[in-house]
């Protein structure tokens, strides 16, 4: 069995709610039926509003080795979709040295 997370996006609905959308694909060759738990844990943590408010609303981030769009979006409190739209990117692939304009999406 192979499980892949194809898409994951989050949107801040308001200061108390986040909408999470996920597209997961499961590629399975079934020889015998068997129940398996795929997701074992989901953790929810409160936002650090002091840290968020101290961050600039707009910044330019230069991609480093090992960065992914998801990690960047999470670090700067925005979404992959917003980053792609703002930077006019057709796909969410990044390369080291590439600058990205980022706008924080959470206001407290």
PDB file of N, CA and C in Angstrom:
ATOM      1  N   UNK A   1       0.848  -1.168   0.000  1.00  0.00           N
ATOM      2  CA  UNK A   1       0.000   0.000   0.000  1.00  0.00           C
ATOM      3  C   UNK A   1       0.899   1.237   0.000  1.00  0.00           C
ATOM      4  N   UNK A   2       0.504   2.230  -0.762  1.00  0.00           N
ATOM      5  CA  UNK A   2       1.221   3.500  -0.806  1.00  0.00           C
ATOM      6  C   UNK A   2       0.217   4.617  -0.557  1.00  0.00           C
ATOM      7  N   UNK A   3       0.491   5.426   0.447  1.00  0.00           N
ATOM      8  CA  UNK A   3      -0.369   6.569   0.759  1.00  0.00           C
ATOM      9  C   UNK A   3       0.385   7.843   0.402  1.00  0.00           C
ATOM     10  N   UNK A   4      -0.282   8.748  -0.311  1.00  0.00           N
ATOM     11  CA  UNK A   4       0.318  10.017  -0.703  1.00  0.00           C
ATOM     12  C   UNK A   4      -0.608  11.157  -0.329  1.00  0.00           C
ATOM     13  N   UNK A   5      -0.034  12.214   0.204  1.00  0.00           N
ATOM     14  CA  UNK A   5      -0.762  13.442   0.457  1.00  0.00           C
ATOM     15  C   UNK A   5      -0.593  14.293  -0.789  1.00  0.00           C
ATOM     16  N   UNK A   6      -1.639  14.383  -1.604  1.00  0.00           N
ATOM     17  CA  UNK A   6      -1.546  15.107  -2.874  1.00  0.00           C
ATOM     18  C   UNK A   6      -1.710  16.605  -2.686  1.00  0.00           C
ATOM     19  N   UNK A   7      -2.644  16.993  -1.835  1.00  0.00           N
ATOM     20  CA  UNK A   7      -2.870  18.419  -1.598  1.00  0.00           C
ATOM     21  C   UNK A   7      -3.235  18.612  -0.143  1.00  0.00           C
ATOM     22  N   UNK A   8      -2.766  19.701   0.427  1.00  0.00           N
ATOM     23  CA  UNK A   8      -3.130  20.073   1.786  1.00  0.00           C
ATOM     24  C   UNK A   8      -3.157  21.580   1.826  1.00  0.00           C
ATOM     25  N   UNK A   9      -4.283  22.124   2.241  1.00  0.00           N
ATOM     26  CA  UNK A   9      -4.356  23.577   2.339  1.00  0.00           C
ATOM     27  C   UNK A   9      -5.107  23.956   3.603  1.00  0.00           C
ATOM     28  N   UNK A  10      -4.742  25.103   4.127  1.00  0.00           N
ATOM     29  CA  UNK A  10      -5.424  25.634   5.296  1.00  0.00           C
ATOM     30  C   UNK A  10      -5.801  27.074   5.016  1.00  0.00           C
ATOM     31  N   UNK A  11      -6.902  27.469   5.585  1.00  0.00           N
ATOM     32  CA  UNK A  11      -7.342  28.857   5.467  1.00  0.00           C
ATOM     33  C   UNK A  11      -7.830  29.312   6.829  1.00  0.00           C
ATOM     34  N   UNK A  12      -7.399  30.483   7.224  1.00  0.00           N
ATOM     35  CA  UNK A  12      -7.865  31.065   8.465  1.00  0.00           C
ATOM     36  C   UNK A  12      -9.250  31.629   8.207  1.00  0.00           C
ATOM     37  N   UNK A  13     -10.266  31.080   8.841  1.00  0.00           N
ATOM     38  CA  UNK A  13     -11.636  31.578   8.688  1.00  0.00           C
ATOM     39  C   UNK A  13     -11.809  32.835   9.532  1.00  0.00           C
ATOM     40  N   UNK A  14     -11.379  32.761  10.763  1.00  0.00           N
ATOM     41  CA  UNK A  14     -11.319  33.917  11.643  1.00  0.00           C
ATOM     42  C   UNK A  14     -10.258  33.620  12.697  1.00  0.00           C
ATOM     43  N   UNK A  15     -10.184  34.408  13.742  1.00  0.00           N
ATOM     44  CA  UNK A  15      -9.121  34.209  14.727  1.00  0.00           C
ATOM     45  C   UNK A  15      -9.295  32.937  15.546  1.00  0.00           C
ATOM     46  N   UNK A  16     -10.442  32.266  15.424  1.00  0.00           N
ATOM     47  CA  UNK A  16     -10.687  31.051  16.198  1.00  0.00           C
ATOM     48  C   UNK A  16     -10.834  29.803  15.354  1.00  0.00           C
ATOM     49  N   UNK A  17     -10.909  29.929  14.030  1.00  0.00           N
ATOM     50  CA  UNK A  17     -11.182  28.771  13.194  1.00  0.00           C
ATOM     51  C   UNK A  17     -10.234  28.690  12.007  1.00  0.00           C
ATOM     52  N   UNK A  18      -9.791  27.477  11.718  1.00  0.00           N
ATOM     53  CA  UNK A  18      -8.970  27.201  10.552  1.00  0.00           C
ATOM     54  C   UNK A  18      -9.668  26.104   9.754  1.00  0.00           C
ATOM     55  N   UNK A  19      -9.783  26.305   8.461  1.00  0.00           N
ATOM     56  CA  UNK A  19     -10.340  25.290   7.577  1.00  0.00           C
ATOM     57  C   UNK A  19      -9.176  24.512   6.970  1.00  0.00           C
ATOM     58  N   UNK A  20      -9.218  23.185   7.098  1.00  0.00           N
ATOM     59  CA  UNK A  20      -8.166  22.326   6.570  1.00  0.00           C
ATOM     60  C   UNK A  20      -8.776  21.434   5.497  1.00  0.00           C
ATOM     61  N   UNK A  21      -8.159  21.436   4.315  1.00  0.00           N
ATOM     62  CA  UNK A  21      -8.604  20.584   3.213  1.00  0.00           C
ATOM     63  C   UNK A  21      -7.438  19.690   2.819  1.00  0.00           C
ATOM     64  N   UNK A  22      -7.717  18.397   2.664  1.00  0.00           N
ATOM     65  CA  UNK A  22      -6.657  17.455   2.303  1.00  0.00           C
ATOM     66  C   UNK A  22      -7.157  16.515   1.216  1.00  0.00           C
ATOM     67  N   UNK A  23      -6.269  16.205   0.268  1.00  0.00           N
ATOM     68  CA  UNK A  23      -6.540  15.192  -0.747  1.00  0.00           C
ATOM     69  C   UNK A  23      -5.480  14.111  -0.555  1.00  0.00           C
ATOM     70  N   UNK A  24      -5.932  12.943  -0.179  1.00  0.00           N
ATOM     71  CA  UNK A  24      -5.037  11.823   0.091  1.00  0.00           C
ATOM     72  C   UNK A  24      -5.333  10.734  -0.927  1.00  0.00           C
ATOM     73  N   UNK A  25      -4.283  10.194  -1.534  1.00  0.00           N
ATOM     74  CA  UNK A  25      -4.494   9.081  -2.456  1.00  0.00           C
ATOM     75  C   UNK A  25      -3.902   7.819  -1.848  1.00  0.00           C
ATOM     76  N   UNK A  26      -4.619   6.746  -1.999  1.00  0.00           N
ATOM     77  CA  UNK A  26      -4.168   5.446  -1.527  1.00  0.00           C
ATOM     78  C   UNK A  26      -4.088   4.516  -2.728  1.00  0.00           C
ATOM     79  N   UNK A  27      -2.891   4.014  -3.003  1.00  0.00           N
ATOM     80  CA  UNK A  27      -2.698   3.052  -4.071  1.00  0.00           C
ATOM     81  C   UNK A  27      -2.489   1.699  -3.406  1.00  0.00           C
ATOM     82  N   UNK A  28      -3.419   0.787  -3.677  1.00  0.00           N
ATOM     83  CA  UNK A  28      -3.410  -0.480  -2.965  1.00  0.00           C
ATOM     84  C   UNK A  28      -3.567  -1.633  -3.947  1.00  0.00           C
ATOM     85  N   UNK A  29      -2.766  -2.652  -3.744  1.00  0.00           N
ATOM     86  CA  UNK A  29      -2.938  -3.921  -4.436  1.00  0.00           C
ATOM     87  C   UNK A  29      -3.501  -4.866  -3.382  1.00  0.00           C
ATOM     88  N   UNK A  30      -4.775  -5.230  -3.527  1.00  0.00           N
ATOM     89  CA  UNK A  30      -5.450  -6.031  -2.508  1.00  0.00           C
ATOM     90  C   UNK A  30      -5.359  -7.508  -2.866  1.00  0.00           C
ATOM     91  N   UNK A  31      -4.676  -8.237  -2.003  1.00  0.00           N
ATOM     92  CA  UNK A  31      -4.604  -9.684  -2.134  1.00  0.00           C
ATOM     93  C   UNK A  31      -5.451 -10.342  -1.051  1.00  0.00           C
ATOM     94  N   UNK A  32      -5.592  -9.637   0.053  1.00  0.00           N
ATOM     95  CA  UNK A  32      -6.398 -10.123   1.160  1.00  0.00           C
ATOM     96  C   UNK A  32      -6.899  -8.887   1.902  1.00  0.00           C
ATOM     97  N   UNK A  33      -8.153  -8.858   2.263  1.00  0.00           N
ATOM     98  CA  UNK A  33      -8.705  -7.699   2.975  1.00  0.00           C
ATOM     99  C   UNK A  33      -8.133  -7.622   4.383  1.00  0.00           C
ATOM    100  N   UNK A  34      -7.763  -6.400   4.776  1.00  0.00           N
ATOM    101  CA  UNK A  34      -7.185  -6.172   6.091  1.00  0.00           C
ATOM    102  C   UNK A  34      -7.451  -4.734   6.489  1.00  0.00           C
ATOM    103  N   UNK A  35      -7.868  -4.507   7.722  1.00  0.00           N
ATOM    104  CA  UNK A  35      -8.079  -3.151   8.226  1.00  0.00           C
ATOM    105  C   UNK A  35      -6.760  -2.578   8.705  1.00  0.00           C
ATOM    106  N   UNK A  36      -6.487  -1.322   8.330  1.00  0.00           N
ATOM    107  CA  UNK A  36      -5.262  -0.635   8.752  1.00  0.00           C
ATOM    108  C   UNK A  36      -5.607   0.786   9.151  1.00  0.00           C
ATOM    109  N   UNK A  37      -5.006   1.247  10.238  1.00  0.00           N
ATOM    110  CA  UNK A  37      -5.178   2.627  10.642  1.00  0.00           C
ATOM    111  C   UNK A  37      -4.097   3.444   9.927  1.00  0.00           C
ATOM    112  N   UNK A  38      -4.496   4.418   9.108  1.00  0.00           N
ATOM    113  CA  UNK A  38      -3.553   5.230   8.344  1.00  0.00           C
ATOM    114  C   UNK A  38      -3.139   6.463   9.146  1.00  0.00           C
ATOM    115  N   UNK A  39      -4.109   7.190   9.649  1.00  0.00           N
ATOM    116  CA  UNK A  39      -3.819   8.388  10.441  1.00  0.00           C
ATOM    117  C   UNK A  39      -3.884   7.985  11.900  1.00  0.00           C
ATOM    118  N   UNK A  40      -2.756   8.099  12.589  1.00  0.00           N
ATOM    119  CA  UNK A  40      -2.719   7.647  13.976  1.00  0.00           C
ATOM    120  C   UNK A  40      -2.887   8.791  14.973  1.00  0.00           C
ATOM    121  N   UNK A  41      -2.603  10.039  14.542  1.00  0.00           N
ATOM    122  CA  UNK A  41      -2.678  11.143  15.483  1.00  0.00           C
ATOM    123  C   UNK A  41      -2.849  12.467  14.751  1.00  0.00           C
ATOM    124  N   UNK A  42      -3.712  13.317  15.260  1.00  0.00           N
ATOM    125  CA  UNK A  42      -3.859  14.690  14.794  1.00  0.00           C
ATOM    126  C   UNK A  42      -3.748  15.565  16.031  1.00  0.00           C
ATOM    127  N   UNK A  43      -2.890  16.563  15.961  1.00  0.00           N
ATOM    128  CA  UNK A  43      -2.656  17.418  17.117  1.00  0.00           C
ATOM    129  C   UNK A  43      -3.061  18.841  16.794  1.00  0.00           C
ATOM    130  N   UNK A  44      -3.775  19.461  17.700  1.00  0.00           N
ATOM    131  CA  UNK A  44      -4.205  20.845  17.540  1.00  0.00           C
ATOM    132  C   UNK A  44      -3.547  21.680  18.625  1.00  0.00           C
ATOM    133  N   UNK A  45      -2.915  22.785  18.203  1.00  0.00           N
ATOM    134  CA  UNK A  45      -2.249  23.672  19.154  1.00  0.00           C
ATOM    135  C   UNK A  45      -2.766  25.089  18.953  1.00  0.00           C
ATOM    136  N   UNK A  46      -2.859  25.868  20.021  1.00  0.00           N
ATOM    137  CA  UNK A  46      -3.292  27.261  19.861  1.00  0.00           C
ATOM    138  C   UNK A  46      -2.200  28.073  19.163  1.00  0.00           C
ATOM    139  N   UNK A  47      -2.626  29.093  18.430  1.00  0.00           N
ATOM    140  CA  UNK A  47      -1.684  29.981  17.762  1.00  0.00           C
ATOM    141  C   UNK A  47      -1.022  30.900  18.779  1.00  0.00           C
ATOM    142  N   UNK A  48       0.252  31.210  18.561  1.00  0.00           N
ATOM    143  CA  UNK A  48       0.984  32.149  19.395  1.00  0.00           C
ATOM    144  C   UNK A  48       0.741  33.545  18.807  1.00  0.00           C
ATOM    145  N   UNK A  49      -0.312  34.199  19.286  1.00  0.00           N
ATOM    146  CA  UNK A  49      -0.733  35.474  18.706  1.00  0.00           C
ATOM    147  C   UNK A  49       0.322  36.576  18.894  1.00  0.00           C
ATOM    148  N   UNK A  50       1.086  36.553  19.983  1.00  0.00           N
ATOM    149  CA  UNK A  50       2.143  37.557  20.161  1.00  0.00           C
ATOM    150  C   UNK A  50       3.192  37.422  19.069  1.00  0.00           C
ATOM    151  N   UNK A  51       3.593  36.191  18.773  1.00  0.00           N
ATOM    152  CA  UNK A  51       4.577  35.942  17.722  1.00  0.00           C
ATOM    153  C   UNK A  51       4.023  36.365  16.357  1.00  0.00           C
ATOM    154  N   UNK A  52       2.777  36.023  16.090  1.00  0.00           N
ATOM    155  CA  UNK A  52       2.156  36.355  14.804  1.00  0.00           C
ATOM    156  C   UNK A  52       2.065  37.867  14.621  1.00  0.00           C
ATOM    157  N   UNK A  53       1.630  38.567  15.654  1.00  0.00           N
ATOM    158  CA  UNK A  53       1.493  40.021  15.552  1.00  0.00           C
ATOM    159  C   UNK A  53       2.846  40.710  15.409  1.00  0.00           C
ATOM    160  N   UNK A  54       3.913  40.109  15.950  1.00  0.00           N
ATOM    161  CA  UNK A  54       5.245  40.704  15.845  1.00  0.00           C
ATOM    162  C   UNK A  54       5.870  40.499  14.465  1.00  0.00           C
ATOM    163  N   UNK A  55       5.364  39.548  13.700  1.00  0.00           N
ATOM    164  CA  UNK A  55       5.907  39.277  12.366  1.00  0.00           C
ATOM    165  C   UNK A  55       5.466  40.371  11.389  1.00  0.00           C
ATOM    166  N   UNK A  56       6.297  40.669  10.381  1.00  0.00           N
ATOM    167  CA  UNK A  56       5.867  41.652   9.376  1.00  0.00           C
ATOM    168  C   UNK A  56       4.694  41.096   8.558  1.00  0.00           C
ATOM    169  N   UNK A  57       3.847  41.984   8.070  1.00  0.00           N
ATOM    170  CA  UNK A  57       2.699  41.568   7.271  1.00  0.00           C
ATOM    171  C   UNK A  57       3.101  41.128   5.876  1.00  0.00           C
ATOM    172  N   UNK A  58       4.176  41.740   5.346  1.00  0.00           N
ATOM    173  CA  UNK A  58       4.677  41.409   4.010  1.00  0.00           C
ATOM    174  C   UNK A  58       6.184  41.227   4.118  1.00  0.00           C
ATOM    175  N   UNK A  59       6.698  40.175   3.485  1.00  0.00           N
ATOM    176  CA  UNK A  59       8.143  39.923   3.502  1.00  0.00           C
ATOM    177  C   UNK A  59       8.559  39.202   2.227  1.00  0.00           C
ATOM    178  N   UNK A  60       9.836  39.261   1.922  1.00  0.00           N
ATOM    179  CA  UNK A  60      10.405  38.485   0.820  1.00  0.00           C
ATOM    180  C   UNK A  60      11.270  37.405   1.460  1.00  0.00           C
ATOM    181  N   UNK A  61      11.014  36.162   1.092  1.00  0.00           N
ATOM    182  CA  UNK A  61      11.757  35.033   1.621  1.00  0.00           C
ATOM    183  C   UNK A  61      12.528  34.381   0.484  1.00  0.00           C
ATOM    184  N   UNK A  62      13.810  34.089   0.703  1.00  0.00           N
ATOM    185  CA  UNK A  62      14.633  33.428  -0.299  1.00  0.00           C
ATOM    186  C   UNK A  62      14.701  31.940   0.056  1.00  0.00           C
ATOM    187  N   UNK A  63      14.308  31.084  -0.899  1.00  0.00           N
ATOM    188  CA  UNK A  63      14.252  29.640  -0.690  1.00  0.00           C
ATOM    189  C   UNK A  63      15.630  29.086  -0.346  1.00  0.00           C
ATOM    190  N   UNK A  64      15.658  28.203   0.661  1.00  0.00           N
ATOM    191  CA  UNK A  64      16.885  27.524   1.070  1.00  0.00           C
ATOM    192  C   UNK A  64      16.763  26.039   0.742  1.00  0.00           C
ATOM    193  N   UNK A  65      17.900  25.332   0.718  1.00  0.00           N
ATOM    194  CA  UNK A  65      17.875  23.883   0.494  1.00  0.00           C
ATOM    195  C   UNK A  65      16.960  23.215   1.516  1.00  0.00           C
ATOM    196  N   UNK A  66      16.121  22.308   1.059  1.00  0.00           N
ATOM    197  CA  UNK A  66      15.238  21.566   1.951  1.00  0.00           C
ATOM    198  C   UNK A  66      13.901  22.227   2.209  1.00  0.00           C
ATOM    199  N   UNK A  67      13.711  23.479   1.764  1.00  0.00           N
ATOM    200  CA  UNK A  67      12.422  24.161   1.960  1.00  0.00           C
ATOM    201  C   UNK A  67      11.348  23.547   1.079  1.00  0.00           C
ATOM    202  N   UNK A  68      10.138  23.494   1.598  1.00  0.00           N
ATOM    203  CA  UNK A  68       8.975  23.127   0.790  1.00  0.00           C
ATOM    204  C   UNK A  68       7.955  24.250   0.932  1.00  0.00           C
ATOM    205  N   UNK A  69       7.069  24.359  -0.033  1.00  0.00           N
ATOM    206  CA  UNK A  69       6.044  25.412   0.016  1.00  0.00           C
ATOM    207  C   UNK A  69       5.185  25.258   1.270  1.00  0.00           C
ATOM    208  N   UNK A  70       4.857  24.014   1.630  1.00  0.00           N
ATOM    209  CA  UNK A  70       4.031  23.779   2.817  1.00  0.00           C
ATOM    210  C   UNK A  70       4.734  24.327   4.059  1.00  0.00           C
ATOM    211  N   UNK A  71       6.027  24.031   4.219  1.00  0.00           N
ATOM    212  CA  UNK A  71       6.767  24.504   5.383  1.00  0.00           C
ATOM    213  C   UNK A  71       6.852  26.036   5.415  1.00  0.00           C
ATOM    214  N   UNK A  72       7.064  26.632   4.257  1.00  0.00           N
ATOM    215  CA  UNK A  72       7.144  28.094   4.171  1.00  0.00           C
ATOM    216  C   UNK A  72       5.792  28.719   4.532  1.00  0.00           C
ATOM    217  N   UNK A  73       4.719  28.183   3.966  1.00  0.00           N
ATOM    218  CA  UNK A  73       3.378  28.700   4.252  1.00  0.00           C
ATOM    219  C   UNK A  73       3.067  28.587   5.745  1.00  0.00           C
ATOM    220  N   UNK A  74       3.400  27.461   6.319  1.00  0.00           N
ATOM    221  CA  UNK A  74       3.151  27.249   7.746  1.00  0.00           C
ATOM    222  C   UNK A  74       3.960  28.238   8.591  1.00  0.00           C
ATOM    223  N   UNK A  75       5.232  28.424   8.253  1.00  0.00           N
ATOM    224  CA  UNK A  75       6.123  29.309   9.012  1.00  0.00           C
ATOM    225  C   UNK A  75       5.659  30.756   8.951  1.00  0.00           C
ATOM    226  N   UNK A  76       5.102  31.185   7.797  1.00  0.00           N
ATOM    227  CA  UNK A  76       4.716  32.588   7.624  1.00  0.00           C
ATOM    228  C   UNK A  76       3.205  32.803   7.711  1.00  0.00           C
ATOM    229  N   UNK A  77       2.479  31.807   8.223  1.00  0.00           N
ATOM    230  CA  UNK A  77       1.043  31.922   8.478  1.00  0.00           C
ATOM    231  C   UNK A  77       0.257  32.338   7.232  1.00  0.00           C
ATOM    232  N   UNK A  78       0.481  31.608   6.157  1.00  0.00           N
ATOM    233  CA  UNK A  78      -0.259  31.814   4.921  1.00  0.00           C
ATOM    234  C   UNK A  78      -0.549  30.439   4.332  1.00  0.00           C
ATOM    235  N   UNK A  79      -0.931  30.372   3.068  1.00  0.00           N
ATOM    236  CA  UNK A  79      -1.224  29.091   2.427  1.00  0.00           C
ATOM    237  C   UNK A  79      -0.378  28.934   1.171  1.00  0.00           C
ATOM    238  N   UNK A  80      -0.197  27.694   0.755  1.00  0.00           N
ATOM    239  CA  UNK A  80       0.523  27.410  -0.488  1.00  0.00           C
ATOM    240  C   UNK A  80      -0.192  28.084  -1.653  1.00  0.00           C
ATOM    241  N   UNK A  81      -1.511  28.014  -1.651  1.00  0.00           N
ATOM    242  CA  UNK A  81      -2.299  28.620  -2.734  1.00  0.00           C
ATOM    243  C   UNK A  81      -2.071  30.128  -2.800  1.00  0.00           C
ATOM    244  N   UNK A  82      -2.043  30.791  -1.645  1.00  0.00           N
ATOM    245  CA  UNK A  82      -1.822  32.237  -1.611  1.00  0.00           C
ATOM    246  C   UNK A  82      -0.419  32.591  -2.115  1.00  0.00           C
ATOM    247  N   UNK A  83       0.566  31.794  -1.725  1.00  0.00           N
ATOM    248  CA  UNK A  83       1.943  32.046  -2.178  1.00  0.00           C
ATOM    249  C   UNK A  83       2.021  31.910  -3.694  1.00  0.00           C
ATOM    250  N   UNK A  84       1.444  30.834  -4.234  1.00  0.00           N
ATOM    251  CA  UNK A  84       1.469  30.623  -5.687  1.00  0.00           C
ATOM    252  C   UNK A  84       0.758  31.748  -6.422  1.00  0.00           C
ATOM    253  N   UNK A  85      -0.404  32.161  -5.923  1.00  0.00           N
ATOM    254  CA  UNK A  85      -1.172  33.220  -6.578  1.00  0.00           C
ATOM    255  C   UNK A  85      -0.419  34.558  -6.523  1.00  0.00           C
ATOM    256  N   UNK A  86       0.102  34.904  -5.355  1.00  0.00           N
ATOM    257  CA  UNK A  86       0.805  36.176  -5.173  1.00  0.00           C
ATOM    258  C   UNK A  86       2.065  36.260  -6.026  1.00  0.00           C
ATOM    259  N   UNK A  87       2.754  35.125  -6.197  1.00  0.00           N
ATOM    260  CA  UNK A  87       4.010  35.090  -6.950  1.00  0.00           C
ATOM    261  C   UNK A  87       3.821  34.609  -8.383  1.00  0.00           C
ATOM    262  N   UNK A  88       2.565  34.475  -8.801  1.00  0.00           N
ATOM    263  CA  UNK A  88       2.203  34.049 -10.152  1.00  0.00           C
ATOM    264  C   UNK A  88       2.912  32.755 -10.548  1.00  0.00           C
ATOM    265  N   UNK A  89       2.877  31.772  -9.642  1.00  0.00           N
ATOM    266  CA  UNK A  89       3.480  30.463  -9.888  1.00  0.00           C
ATOM    267  C   UNK A  89       2.402  29.494 -10.346  1.00  0.00           C
ATOM    268  N   UNK A  90       2.705  28.692 -11.350  1.00  0.00           N
ATOM    269  CA  UNK A  90       1.742  27.714 -11.847  1.00  0.00           C
ATOM    270  C   UNK A  90       1.788  26.415 -11.057  1.00  0.00           C
ATOM    271  N   UNK A  91       2.904  26.163 -10.386  1.00  0.00           N
ATOM    272  CA  UNK A  91       3.017  24.971  -9.559  1.00  0.00           C
ATOM    273  C   UNK A  91       3.737  25.343  -8.272  1.00  0.00           C
ATOM    274  N   UNK A  92       3.666  24.442  -7.288  1.00  0.00           N
ATOM    275  CA  UNK A  92       4.226  24.775  -5.978  1.00  0.00           C
ATOM    276  C   UNK A  92       5.642  24.238  -5.773  1.00  0.00           C
ATOM    277  N   UNK A  93       6.407  24.135  -6.849  1.00  0.00           N
ATOM    278  CA  UNK A  93       7.799  23.691  -6.743  1.00  0.00           C
ATOM    279  C   UNK A  93       8.699  24.902  -6.593  1.00  0.00           C
ATOM    280  N   UNK A  94       9.679  24.765  -5.701  1.00  0.00           N
ATOM    281  CA  UNK A  94      10.606  25.858  -5.442  1.00  0.00           C
ATOM    282  C   UNK A  94      12.037  25.357  -5.567  1.00  0.00           C
ATOM    283  N   UNK A  95      12.938  26.279  -5.856  1.00  0.00           N
ATOM    284  CA  UNK A  95      14.361  25.941  -5.959  1.00  0.00           C
ATOM    285  C   UNK A  95      15.155  26.904  -5.073  1.00  0.00           C
ATOM    286  N   UNK A  96      16.253  26.428  -4.482  1.00  0.00           N
ATOM    287  CA  UNK A  96      17.066  27.301  -3.637  1.00  0.00           C
ATOM    288  C   UNK A  96      17.477  28.576  -4.370  1.00  0.00           C
ATOM    289  N   UNK A  97      17.413  29.687  -3.651  1.00  0.00           N
ATOM    290  CA  UNK A  97      17.765  30.985  -4.216  1.00  0.00           C
ATOM    291  C   UNK A  97      16.582  31.743  -4.791  1.00  0.00           C
ATOM    292  N   UNK A  98      15.463  31.065  -4.974  1.00  0.00           N
ATOM    293  CA  UNK A  98      14.261  31.693  -5.547  1.00  0.00           C
ATOM    294  C   UNK A  98      13.606  32.605  -4.498  1.00  0.00           C
ATOM    295  N   UNK A  99      13.354  33.882  -4.826  1.00  0.00           N
ATOM    296  CA  UNK A  99      12.682  34.770  -3.868  1.00  0.00           C
ATOM    297  C   UNK A  99      11.159  34.613  -3.963  1.00  0.00           C
ATOM    298  N   UNK A 100      10.501  34.674  -2.826  1.00  0.00           N
ATOM    299  CA  UNK A 100       9.041  34.619  -2.779  1.00  0.00           C
ATOM    300  C   UNK A 100       8.517  35.806  -1.980  1.00  0.00           C
ATOM    301  N   UNK A 101       7.505  36.469  -2.504  1.00  0.00           N
ATOM    302  CA  UNK A 101       6.803  37.509  -1.771  1.00  0.00           C
ATOM    303  C   UNK A 101       5.762  36.808  -0.912  1.00  0.00           C
ATOM    304  N   UNK A 102       5.745  37.100   0.402  1.00  0.00           N
ATOM    305  CA  UNK A 102       4.830  36.437   1.321  1.00  0.00           C
ATOM    306  C   UNK A 102       4.006  37.477   2.063  1.00  0.00           C
ATOM    307  N   UNK A 103       2.714  37.194   2.216  1.00  0.00           N
ATOM    308  CA  UNK A 103       1.813  38.067   2.974  1.00  0.00           C
ATOM    309  C   UNK A 103       1.181  37.231   4.067  1.00  0.00           C
ATOM    310  N   UNK A 104       1.333  37.652   5.299  1.00  0.00           N
ATOM    311  CA  UNK A 104       0.766  36.962   6.448  1.00  0.00           C
ATOM    312  C   UNK A 104      -0.759  37.027   6.349  1.00  0.00           C
ATOM    313  N   UNK A 105      -1.431  35.885   6.560  1.00  0.00           N
ATOM    314  CA  UNK A 105      -2.881  35.829   6.427  1.00  0.00           C
ATOM    315  C   UNK A 105      -3.626  35.854   7.765  1.00  0.00           C
ATOM    316  N   UNK A 106      -2.923  35.870   8.874  1.00  0.00           N
ATOM    317  CA  UNK A 106      -3.555  35.844  10.207  1.00  0.00           C
ATOM    318  C   UNK A 106      -3.397  37.200  10.866  1.00  0.00           C
ATOM    319  N   UNK A 107      -4.464  37.751  11.313  1.00  0.00           N
ATOM    320  CA  UNK A 107      -4.427  39.006  12.057  1.00  0.00           C
ATOM    321  C   UNK A 107      -5.069  38.769  13.412  1.00  0.00           C
ATOM    322  N   UNK A 108      -4.515  39.359  14.417  1.00  0.00           N
ATOM    323  CA  UNK A 108      -5.035  39.125  15.763  1.00  0.00           C
ATOM    324  C   UNK A 108      -5.690  40.324  16.344  1.00  0.00           C
TER     325      UNK A 108
END
